Protein backbone atom coordinates (compact mmCIF):
# COMPACT_ATOMS: atom_id res chain seq x y z
CA UNK A 1 0.00 0.00 0.00
CA UNK A 2 1.17 3.53 -0.76
CA UNK A 3 0.23 6.38 1.55
CA UNK A 4 0.15 9.87 0.05
CA UNK A 5 -0.62 13.30 1.40
CA UNK A 6 -1.62 15.66 -1.39
CA UNK A 7 -1.81 19.45 -1.54
CA UNK A 8 -3.79 20.04 -4.73
CA UNK A 9 -4.35 23.24 -6.65
CA UNK A 10 -2.24 25.58 -4.53
CA UNK A 11 -2.83 28.91 -6.28
CA UNK A 12 -0.28 31.68 -5.89
CA UNK A 13 0.97 34.74 -7.70
CA UNK A 14 4.66 34.23 -8.41
CA UNK A 15 7.27 36.46 -9.99
CA UNK A 16 8.61 33.99 -12.54
CA UNK A 17 9.89 33.97 -16.09
CA UNK A 18 12.65 35.14 -18.39
CA UNK A 19 10.57 37.39 -20.64
CA UNK A 20 10.30 41.13 -19.95
CA UNK A 21 6.50 40.94 -19.62
CA UNK A 22 6.90 38.21 -16.97
CA UNK A 23 9.28 40.34 -14.90
CA UNK A 24 6.84 43.26 -14.59
CA UNK A 25 4.48 41.65 -12.09
CA UNK A 26 3.73 38.31 -10.45
CA UNK A 27 1.62 35.95 -12.50
CA UNK A 28 -0.89 33.23 -11.63
CA UNK A 29 0.82 29.99 -10.72
CA UNK A 30 -0.62 26.66 -9.69
CA UNK A 31 1.06 23.77 -7.93
CA UNK A 32 0.17 20.24 -6.85
CA UNK A 33 2.34 18.52 -4.25
CA UNK A 34 2.22 14.85 -3.29
CA UNK A 35 4.16 13.33 -0.41
CA UNK A 36 4.70 9.56 -0.36
CA UNK A 37 5.00 8.45 3.26
CA UNK A 38 7.00 5.62 4.82
CA UNK A 39 5.28 2.24 4.61
CA UNK A 40 4.96 2.12 8.41
CA UNK A 41 3.27 5.52 8.60
CA UNK A 42 0.15 5.35 10.74
CA UNK A 43 -1.59 7.48 13.33
CA UNK A 44 -2.46 5.91 16.67
CA UNK A 45 -3.67 8.77 18.89
CA UNK A 46 -5.39 11.12 16.41
CA UNK A 47 -2.74 13.74 17.17
CA UNK A 48 -1.19 16.26 14.77
CA UNK A 49 2.27 15.26 16.02
CA UNK A 50 1.76 11.86 14.38
CA UNK A 51 1.30 13.22 10.89
CA UNK A 52 3.06 15.38 8.34
CA UNK A 53 2.17 19.02 8.96
CA UNK A 54 0.76 20.13 5.63
CA UNK A 55 -0.07 23.56 7.12
CA UNK A 56 3.69 24.07 7.53
CA UNK A 57 4.30 22.79 3.99
CA UNK A 58 1.78 25.19 2.47
CA UNK A 59 3.09 28.12 4.49
CA UNK A 60 6.74 27.44 3.68
CA UNK A 61 6.12 26.94 -0.04
CA UNK A 62 3.93 30.05 -0.28
CA UNK A 63 6.45 32.19 1.59
CA UNK A 64 9.36 30.91 -0.50
CA UNK A 65 7.61 31.49 -3.81
CA UNK A 66 6.74 35.03 -2.72
CA UNK A 67 10.27 35.83 -1.58
CA UNK A 68 11.94 36.74 -4.88
CA UNK A 69 11.87 36.52 -8.68
CA UNK A 70 12.52 33.13 -10.28
CA UNK A 71 13.68 32.83 -13.87
CA UNK A 72 12.89 29.14 -14.30
CA UNK A 73 10.17 26.76 -13.22
CA UNK A 74 12.92 24.18 -12.83
CA UNK A 75 14.40 26.25 -10.02
CA UNK A 76 11.02 26.61 -8.33
CA UNK A 77 10.18 22.92 -8.47
CA UNK A 78 13.64 21.85 -7.25
CA UNK A 79 13.50 24.23 -4.29
CA UNK A 80 9.97 23.04 -3.43
CA UNK A 81 11.23 19.45 -3.44
CA UNK A 82 13.97 20.49 -1.00
CA UNK A 83 11.33 22.04 1.28
CA UNK A 84 9.20 18.88 1.13
CA UNK A 85 12.04 16.62 2.19
CA UNK A 86 12.99 19.05 4.99
CA UNK A 87 9.44 19.04 6.43
CA UNK A 88 9.46 15.45 7.69
CA UNK A 89 11.88 12.49 7.56
CA UNK A 90 8.97 10.08 6.92
CA UNK A 91 8.54 11.44 3.39
CA UNK A 92 9.95 8.83 0.99
CA UNK A 93 9.15 10.54 -2.30
CA UNK A 94 7.78 13.81 -3.64
CA UNK A 95 5.56 14.39 -6.68
CA UNK A 96 5.29 18.05 -7.73
CA UNK A 97 3.54 19.64 -10.71
CA UNK A 98 3.75 23.33 -11.52
CA UNK A 99 1.85 25.46 -14.00
CA UNK A 100 2.12 29.03 -15.21
CA UNK A 101 -1.53 29.55 -16.11
CA UNK A 102 -1.50 32.90 -17.92
CA UNK A 103 1.56 32.84 -20.19
CA UNK A 104 0.04 31.94 -23.55
CA UNK A 105 -3.43 32.84 -24.78
CA UNK A 106 -3.80 29.53 -26.62
CA UNK A 107 -2.74 27.22 -23.74
CA UNK A 108 -4.34 26.50 -20.38
CA UNK A 109 -0.90 26.33 -18.79
CA UNK A 110 2.75 25.48 -19.22
CA UNK A 111 4.44 23.58 -16.46
CA UNK A 112 6.67 20.85 -15.12
CA UNK A 113 6.23 17.59 -13.29
CA UNK A 114 8.92 15.98 -11.12
CA UNK A 115 8.57 12.76 -9.16
CA UNK A 116 11.60 11.77 -7.09
CA UNK A 117 12.50 9.58 -4.13
CA UNK A 118 14.48 10.90 -1.20
CA UNK A 119 17.33 8.48 -2.02
CA UNK A 120 17.55 9.68 -5.64
CA UNK A 121 17.29 13.35 -4.65
CA UNK A 122 20.16 13.09 -2.19
CA UNK A 123 22.49 11.37 -4.62
C-alpha atoms as a PDB file:
ATOM      1  CA  UNK A   1       0.000   0.000   0.000  1.00  0.00           C
ATOM      2  CA  UNK A   2       1.174   3.532  -0.757  1.00  0.00           C
ATOM      3  CA  UNK A   3       0.230   6.377   1.549  1.00  0.00           C
ATOM      4  CA  UNK A   4       0.146   9.867   0.051  1.00  0.00           C
ATOM      5  CA  UNK A   5      -0.618  13.299   1.404  1.00  0.00           C
ATOM      6  CA  UNK A   6      -1.616  15.662  -1.389  1.00  0.00           C
ATOM      7  CA  UNK A   7      -1.813  19.446  -1.542  1.00  0.00           C
ATOM      8  CA  UNK A   8      -3.793  20.039  -4.729  1.00  0.00           C
ATOM      9  CA  UNK A   9      -4.350  23.243  -6.650  1.00  0.00           C
ATOM     10  CA  UNK A  10      -2.238  25.584  -4.525  1.00  0.00           C
ATOM     11  CA  UNK A  11      -2.829  28.908  -6.278  1.00  0.00           C
ATOM     12  CA  UNK A  12      -0.276  31.677  -5.890  1.00  0.00           C
ATOM     13  CA  UNK A  13       0.973  34.739  -7.699  1.00  0.00           C
ATOM     14  CA  UNK A  14       4.664  34.233  -8.406  1.00  0.00           C
ATOM     15  CA  UNK A  15       7.269  36.464  -9.995  1.00  0.00           C
ATOM     16  CA  UNK A  16       8.606  33.994 -12.541  1.00  0.00           C
ATOM     17  CA  UNK A  17       9.889  33.972 -16.090  1.00  0.00           C
ATOM     18  CA  UNK A  18      12.650  35.139 -18.386  1.00  0.00           C
ATOM     19  CA  UNK A  19      10.573  37.395 -20.640  1.00  0.00           C
ATOM     20  CA  UNK A  20      10.300  41.128 -19.946  1.00  0.00           C
ATOM     21  CA  UNK A  21       6.500  40.939 -19.618  1.00  0.00           C
ATOM     22  CA  UNK A  22       6.904  38.209 -16.968  1.00  0.00           C
ATOM     23  CA  UNK A  23       9.277  40.341 -14.903  1.00  0.00           C
ATOM     24  CA  UNK A  24       6.844  43.261 -14.591  1.00  0.00           C
ATOM     25  CA  UNK A  25       4.483  41.652 -12.092  1.00  0.00           C
ATOM     26  CA  UNK A  26       3.728  38.310 -10.450  1.00  0.00           C
ATOM     27  CA  UNK A  27       1.617  35.946 -12.504  1.00  0.00           C
ATOM     28  CA  UNK A  28      -0.885  33.228 -11.630  1.00  0.00           C
ATOM     29  CA  UNK A  29       0.815  29.992 -10.723  1.00  0.00           C
ATOM     30  CA  UNK A  30      -0.618  26.658  -9.687  1.00  0.00           C
ATOM     31  CA  UNK A  31       1.058  23.772  -7.930  1.00  0.00           C
ATOM     32  CA  UNK A  32       0.174  20.244  -6.850  1.00  0.00           C
ATOM     33  CA  UNK A  33       2.344  18.524  -4.253  1.00  0.00           C
ATOM     34  CA  UNK A  34       2.218  14.853  -3.289  1.00  0.00           C
ATOM     35  CA  UNK A  35       4.161  13.331  -0.413  1.00  0.00           C
ATOM     36  CA  UNK A  36       4.703   9.556  -0.358  1.00  0.00           C
ATOM     37  CA  UNK A  37       5.002   8.446   3.257  1.00  0.00           C
ATOM     38  CA  UNK A  38       6.997   5.618   4.818  1.00  0.00           C
ATOM     39  CA  UNK A  39       5.277   2.236   4.610  1.00  0.00           C
ATOM     40  CA  UNK A  40       4.960   2.117   8.409  1.00  0.00           C
ATOM     41  CA  UNK A  41       3.271   5.517   8.596  1.00  0.00           C
ATOM     42  CA  UNK A  42       0.149   5.354  10.735  1.00  0.00           C
ATOM     43  CA  UNK A  43      -1.593   7.482  13.335  1.00  0.00           C
ATOM     44  CA  UNK A  44      -2.456   5.909  16.666  1.00  0.00           C
ATOM     45  CA  UNK A  45      -3.666   8.768  18.886  1.00  0.00           C
ATOM     46  CA  UNK A  46      -5.394  11.124  16.408  1.00  0.00           C
ATOM     47  CA  UNK A  47      -2.744  13.741  17.169  1.00  0.00           C
ATOM     48  CA  UNK A  48      -1.186  16.258  14.775  1.00  0.00           C
ATOM     49  CA  UNK A  49       2.271  15.259  16.020  1.00  0.00           C
ATOM     50  CA  UNK A  50       1.757  11.860  14.378  1.00  0.00           C
ATOM     51  CA  UNK A  51       1.296  13.219  10.893  1.00  0.00           C
ATOM     52  CA  UNK A  52       3.062  15.381   8.336  1.00  0.00           C
ATOM     53  CA  UNK A  53       2.168  19.019   8.960  1.00  0.00           C
ATOM     54  CA  UNK A  54       0.755  20.130   5.628  1.00  0.00           C
ATOM     55  CA  UNK A  55      -0.070  23.565   7.117  1.00  0.00           C
ATOM     56  CA  UNK A  56       3.692  24.075   7.527  1.00  0.00           C
ATOM     57  CA  UNK A  57       4.304  22.794   3.993  1.00  0.00           C
ATOM     58  CA  UNK A  58       1.775  25.187   2.468  1.00  0.00           C
ATOM     59  CA  UNK A  59       3.092  28.119   4.489  1.00  0.00           C
ATOM     60  CA  UNK A  60       6.741  27.438   3.678  1.00  0.00           C
ATOM     61  CA  UNK A  61       6.122  26.939  -0.044  1.00  0.00           C
ATOM     62  CA  UNK A  62       3.927  30.046  -0.281  1.00  0.00           C
ATOM     63  CA  UNK A  63       6.454  32.187   1.586  1.00  0.00           C
ATOM     64  CA  UNK A  64       9.356  30.908  -0.499  1.00  0.00           C
ATOM     65  CA  UNK A  65       7.608  31.493  -3.812  1.00  0.00           C
ATOM     66  CA  UNK A  66       6.743  35.025  -2.719  1.00  0.00           C
ATOM     67  CA  UNK A  67      10.272  35.825  -1.579  1.00  0.00           C
ATOM     68  CA  UNK A  68      11.936  36.741  -4.884  1.00  0.00           C
ATOM     69  CA  UNK A  69      11.867  36.525  -8.682  1.00  0.00           C
ATOM     70  CA  UNK A  70      12.517  33.130 -10.277  1.00  0.00           C
ATOM     71  CA  UNK A  71      13.681  32.833 -13.870  1.00  0.00           C
ATOM     72  CA  UNK A  72      12.889  29.142 -14.300  1.00  0.00           C
ATOM     73  CA  UNK A  73      10.166  26.760 -13.222  1.00  0.00           C
ATOM     74  CA  UNK A  74      12.918  24.181 -12.829  1.00  0.00           C
ATOM     75  CA  UNK A  75      14.403  26.250 -10.015  1.00  0.00           C
ATOM     76  CA  UNK A  76      11.018  26.607  -8.326  1.00  0.00           C
ATOM     77  CA  UNK A  77      10.181  22.916  -8.465  1.00  0.00           C
ATOM     78  CA  UNK A  78      13.640  21.850  -7.250  1.00  0.00           C
ATOM     79  CA  UNK A  79      13.496  24.232  -4.291  1.00  0.00           C
ATOM     80  CA  UNK A  80       9.969  23.042  -3.433  1.00  0.00           C
ATOM     81  CA  UNK A  81      11.232  19.448  -3.439  1.00  0.00           C
ATOM     82  CA  UNK A  82      13.969  20.494  -1.001  1.00  0.00           C
ATOM     83  CA  UNK A  83      11.325  22.039   1.280  1.00  0.00           C
ATOM     84  CA  UNK A  84       9.201  18.880   1.126  1.00  0.00           C
ATOM     85  CA  UNK A  85      12.042  16.617   2.194  1.00  0.00           C
ATOM     86  CA  UNK A  86      12.989  19.054   4.991  1.00  0.00           C
ATOM     87  CA  UNK A  87       9.442  19.039   6.429  1.00  0.00           C
ATOM     88  CA  UNK A  88       9.456  15.452   7.687  1.00  0.00           C
ATOM     89  CA  UNK A  89      11.875  12.492   7.556  1.00  0.00           C
ATOM     90  CA  UNK A  90       8.971  10.080   6.924  1.00  0.00           C
ATOM     91  CA  UNK A  91       8.536  11.444   3.389  1.00  0.00           C
ATOM     92  CA  UNK A  92       9.949   8.835   0.986  1.00  0.00           C
ATOM     93  CA  UNK A  93       9.146  10.543  -2.303  1.00  0.00           C
ATOM     94  CA  UNK A  94       7.784  13.807  -3.644  1.00  0.00           C
ATOM     95  CA  UNK A  95       5.562  14.395  -6.676  1.00  0.00           C
ATOM     96  CA  UNK A  96       5.288  18.054  -7.729  1.00  0.00           C
ATOM     97  CA  UNK A  97       3.544  19.642 -10.708  1.00  0.00           C
ATOM     98  CA  UNK A  98       3.752  23.330 -11.525  1.00  0.00           C
ATOM     99  CA  UNK A  99       1.847  25.460 -14.000  1.00  0.00           C
ATOM    100  CA  UNK A 100       2.119  29.028 -15.208  1.00  0.00           C
ATOM    101  CA  UNK A 101      -1.535  29.547 -16.109  1.00  0.00           C
ATOM    102  CA  UNK A 102      -1.497  32.901 -17.924  1.00  0.00           C
ATOM    103  CA  UNK A 103       1.555  32.840 -20.185  1.00  0.00           C
ATOM    104  CA  UNK A 104       0.037  31.936 -23.552  1.00  0.00           C
ATOM    105  CA  UNK A 105      -3.426  32.844 -24.783  1.00  0.00           C
ATOM    106  CA  UNK A 106      -3.799  29.530 -26.621  1.00  0.00           C
ATOM    107  CA  UNK A 107      -2.741  27.223 -23.743  1.00  0.00           C
ATOM    108  CA  UNK A 108      -4.337  26.497 -20.382  1.00  0.00           C
ATOM    109  CA  UNK A 109      -0.902  26.332 -18.786  1.00  0.00           C
ATOM    110  CA  UNK A 110       2.748  25.483 -19.221  1.00  0.00           C
ATOM    111  CA  UNK A 111       4.441  23.576 -16.462  1.00  0.00           C
ATOM    112  CA  UNK A 112       6.672  20.854 -15.122  1.00  0.00           C
ATOM    113  CA  UNK A 113       6.225  17.587 -13.286  1.00  0.00           C
ATOM    114  CA  UNK A 114       8.920  15.977 -11.122  1.00  0.00           C
ATOM    115  CA  UNK A 115       8.571  12.760  -9.160  1.00  0.00           C
ATOM    116  CA  UNK A 116      11.602  11.773  -7.090  1.00  0.00           C
ATOM    117  CA  UNK A 117      12.502   9.576  -4.134  1.00  0.00           C
ATOM    118  CA  UNK A 118      14.476  10.898  -1.201  1.00  0.00           C
ATOM    119  CA  UNK A 119      17.330   8.483  -2.023  1.00  0.00           C
ATOM    120  CA  UNK A 120      17.554   9.680  -5.637  1.00  0.00           C
ATOM    121  CA  UNK A 121      17.286  13.355  -4.654  1.00  0.00           C
ATOM    122  CA  UNK A 122      20.159  13.092  -2.187  1.00  0.00           C
ATOM    123  CA  UNK A 123      22.494  11.374  -4.623  1.00  0.00           C
END
